[in-house]
Amino acid sequence: MLSKAEWVCVGLSILVAGSAVGVVYGKYQSRLLFNEVQRLQAQLDACEVEWEQLLLEEHAWADLTRIERLAQVRLHMAVPKADEIAYLPLVRWER
């Protein structure tokens, strides 16, 4: 039979081994989370690049000279001459 001191030593050894397993498991979880963070950071970087490209494309589509050219060619629109502009009187509504 083991003495009281030997039982304490066995108990402490079990606690130390359990603590070591906990540390290893914690480190493993930390590495998994770090890998996930790295993956998400790369995904964020790719989304930011795509966003910048979409902004550039939007600015190209919204260019005024392009819009005027399309209005003239596709819709047969033209800027009116000064004598073709009609000004309407401003009507104020009173309550």
C-alpha atoms as a PDB file:
ATOM      1  CA  MET A   1       0.000   0.000   0.000  1.00  0.00           C
ATOM      2  CA  LEU A   2       1.130   3.523  -0.774  1.00  0.00           C
ATOM      3  CA  SER A   3       1.824   6.004   1.957  1.00  0.00           C
ATOM      4  CA  LYS A   4       0.132   9.374   2.184  1.00  0.00           C
ATOM      5  CA  ALA A   5       3.183  11.151   0.728  1.00  0.00           C
ATOM      6  CA  GLU A   6       3.262   8.731  -2.224  1.00  0.00           C
ATOM      7  CA  TRP A   7      -0.460   9.366  -2.905  1.00  0.00           C
ATOM      8  CA  VAL A   8       0.192  13.096  -2.870  1.00  0.00           C
ATOM      9  CA  CYS A   9       3.060  12.595  -5.321  1.00  0.00           C
ATOM     10  CA  VAL A  10       0.876  10.451  -7.615  1.00  0.00           C
ATOM     11  CA  GLY A  11      -1.945  13.017  -7.423  1.00  0.00           C
ATOM     12  CA  LEU A  12       0.402  15.874  -8.207  1.00  0.00           C
ATOM     13  CA  SER A  13       1.898  13.903 -11.100  1.00  0.00           C
ATOM     14  CA  ILE A  14      -1.584  13.372 -12.537  1.00  0.00           C
ATOM     15  CA  LEU A  15      -2.345  17.073 -12.146  1.00  0.00           C
ATOM     16  CA  VAL A  16       0.906  18.035 -13.869  1.00  0.00           C
ATOM     17  CA  ALA A  17       0.195  15.634 -16.739  1.00  0.00           C
ATOM     18  CA  GLY A  18      -3.354  16.992 -17.049  1.00  0.00           C
ATOM     19  CA  SER A  19      -2.015  20.535 -17.062  1.00  0.00           C
ATOM     20  CA  ALA A  20       0.483  19.631 -19.788  1.00  0.00           C
ATOM     21  CA  VAL A  21      -2.297  18.145 -21.918  1.00  0.00           C
ATOM     22  CA  GLY A  22      -4.317  21.333 -21.377  1.00  0.00           C
ATOM     23  CA  VAL A  23      -1.396  23.484 -22.490  1.00  0.00           C
ATOM     24  CA  VAL A  24      -0.880  21.385 -25.618  1.00  0.00           C
ATOM     25  CA  TYR A  25      -4.598  21.522 -26.428  1.00  0.00           C
ATOM     26  CA  GLY A  26      -4.675  25.289 -25.861  1.00  0.00           C
ATOM     27  CA  LYS A  27      -1.688  25.779 -28.151  1.00  0.00           C
ATOM     28  CA  TYR A  28      -3.354  23.611 -30.807  1.00  0.00           C
ATOM     29  CA  GLN A  29      -6.560  25.669 -30.618  1.00  0.00           C
ATOM     30  CA  SER A  30      -4.511  28.856 -30.791  1.00  0.00           C
ATOM     31  CA  ARG A  31      -2.820  27.687 -33.991  1.00  0.00           C
ATOM     32  CA  LEU A  32      -6.159  26.731 -35.537  1.00  0.00           C
ATOM     33  CA  LEU A  33      -7.572  30.166 -34.750  1.00  0.00           C
ATOM     34  CA  PHE A  34      -4.444  31.880 -36.060  1.00  0.00           C
ATOM     35  CA  ASN A  35      -4.744  29.966 -39.343  1.00  0.00           C
ATOM     36  CA  GLU A  36      -8.399  31.016 -39.572  1.00  0.00           C
ATOM     37  CA  VAL A  37      -7.447  34.648 -38.976  1.00  0.00           C
ATOM     38  CA  GLN A  38      -4.810  34.437 -41.708  1.00  0.00           C
ATOM     39  CA  ARG A  39      -7.317  32.918 -44.137  1.00  0.00           C
ATOM     40  CA  LEU A  40      -9.892  35.592 -43.380  1.00  0.00           C
ATOM     41  CA  GLN A  41      -7.259  38.340 -43.726  1.00  0.00           C
ATOM     42  CA  ALA A  42      -6.358  37.031 -47.182  1.00  0.00           C
ATOM     43  CA  GLN A  43     -10.051  36.947 -48.095  1.00  0.00           C
ATOM     44  CA  LEU A  44     -10.433  40.539 -46.854  1.00  0.00           C
ATOM     45  CA  ASP A  45      -7.452  41.636 -48.944  1.00  0.00           C
ATOM     46  CA  ALA A  46      -8.982  40.016 -52.034  1.00  0.00           C
ATOM     47  CA  CYS A  47     -12.306  41.740 -51.363  1.00  0.00           C
ATOM     48  CA  GLU A  48     -10.578  45.099 -50.972  1.00  0.00           C
ATOM     49  CA  VAL A  49      -8.791  44.643 -54.311  1.00  0.00           C
ATOM     50  CA  GLU A  50     -12.080  43.721 -55.984  1.00  0.00           C
ATOM     51  CA  TRP A  51     -13.780  46.739 -54.372  1.00  0.00           C
ATOM     52  CA  GLU A  52     -11.099  49.079 -55.734  1.00  0.00           C
ATOM     53  CA  GLN A  53     -11.514  47.575 -59.203  1.00  0.00           C
ATOM     54  CA  LEU A  54     -15.287  47.999 -59.004  1.00  0.00           C
ATOM     55  CA  LEU A  55     -14.880  51.640 -57.970  1.00  0.00           C
ATOM     56  CA  LEU A  56     -12.620  52.254 -60.945  1.00  0.00           C
ATOM     57  CA  GLU A  57     -15.135  50.592 -63.238  1.00  0.00           C
ATOM     58  CA  GLU A  58     -17.968  52.645 -61.756  1.00  0.00           C
ATOM     59  CA  HIS A  59     -16.037  55.869 -62.370  1.00  0.00           C
ATOM     60  CA  ALA A  60     -15.371  54.814 -65.951  1.00  0.00           C
ATOM     61  CA  TRP A  61     -19.067  54.091 -66.577  1.00  0.00           C
ATOM     62  CA  ALA A  62     -20.100  57.404 -64.966  1.00  0.00           C
ATOM     63  CA  ASP A  63     -17.695  59.544 -67.019  1.00  0.00           C
ATOM     64  CA  LEU A  64     -19.621  62.561 -68.311  1.00  0.00           C
ATOM     65  CA  THR A  65     -18.041  62.553 -71.752  1.00  0.00           C
ATOM     66  CA  ARG A  66     -19.038  58.908 -72.194  1.00  0.00           C
ATOM     67  CA  ILE A  67     -22.607  59.636 -71.086  1.00  0.00           C
ATOM     68  CA  GLU A  68     -22.887  62.621 -73.443  1.00  0.00           C
ATOM     69  CA  ARG A  69     -21.528  60.581 -76.348  1.00  0.00           C
ATOM     70  CA  LEU A  70     -24.003  57.756 -75.665  1.00  0.00           C
ATOM     71  CA  ALA A  71     -26.865  60.247 -75.404  1.00  0.00           C
ATOM     72  CA  GLN A  72     -25.962  61.702 -78.777  1.00  0.00           C
ATOM     73  CA  VAL A  73     -25.372  58.382 -80.540  1.00  0.00           C
ATOM     74  CA  ARG A  74     -27.986  56.065 -79.040  1.00  0.00           C
ATOM     75  CA  LEU A  75     -30.739  58.479 -78.032  1.00  0.00           C
ATOM     76  CA  HIS A  76     -30.114  61.119 -80.719  1.00  0.00           C
ATOM     77  CA  MET A  77     -30.007  63.838 -78.089  1.00  0.00           C
ATOM     78  CA  ALA A  78     -28.274  67.169 -78.549  1.00  0.00           C
ATOM     79  CA  VAL A  79     -27.572  70.198 -76.420  1.00  0.00           C
ATOM     80  CA  PRO A  80     -30.240  72.794 -77.255  1.00  0.00           C
ATOM     81  CA  LYS A  81     -29.256  76.139 -78.711  1.00  0.00           C
ATOM     82  CA  ALA A  82     -29.823  79.254 -76.651  1.00  0.00           C
ATOM     83  CA  ASP A  83     -32.933  80.259 -78.612  1.00  0.00           C
ATOM     84  CA  GLU A  84     -34.433  76.761 -78.158  1.00  0.00           C
ATOM     85  CA  ILE A  85     -34.419  76.953 -74.355  1.00  0.00           C
ATOM     86  CA  ALA A  86     -37.735  77.898 -72.780  1.00  0.00           C
ATOM     87  CA  TYR A  87     -37.757  79.217 -69.249  1.00  0.00           C
ATOM     88  CA  LEU A  88     -40.854  78.601 -67.159  1.00  0.00           C
ATOM     89  CA  PRO A  89     -42.006  81.109 -64.569  1.00  0.00           C
ATOM     90  CA  LEU A  90     -41.525  80.153 -60.963  1.00  0.00           C
ATOM     91  CA  VAL A  91     -44.850  79.652 -59.222  1.00  0.00           C
ATOM     92  CA  ARG A  92     -44.808  79.972 -55.460  1.00  0.00           C
ATOM     93  CA  TRP A  93     -47.432  78.073 -53.583  1.00  0.00           C
ATOM     94  CA  GLU A  94     -48.840  79.894 -50.607  1.00  0.00           C
ATOM     95  CA  ARG A  95     -50.751  78.242 -47.868  1.00  0.00           C
END
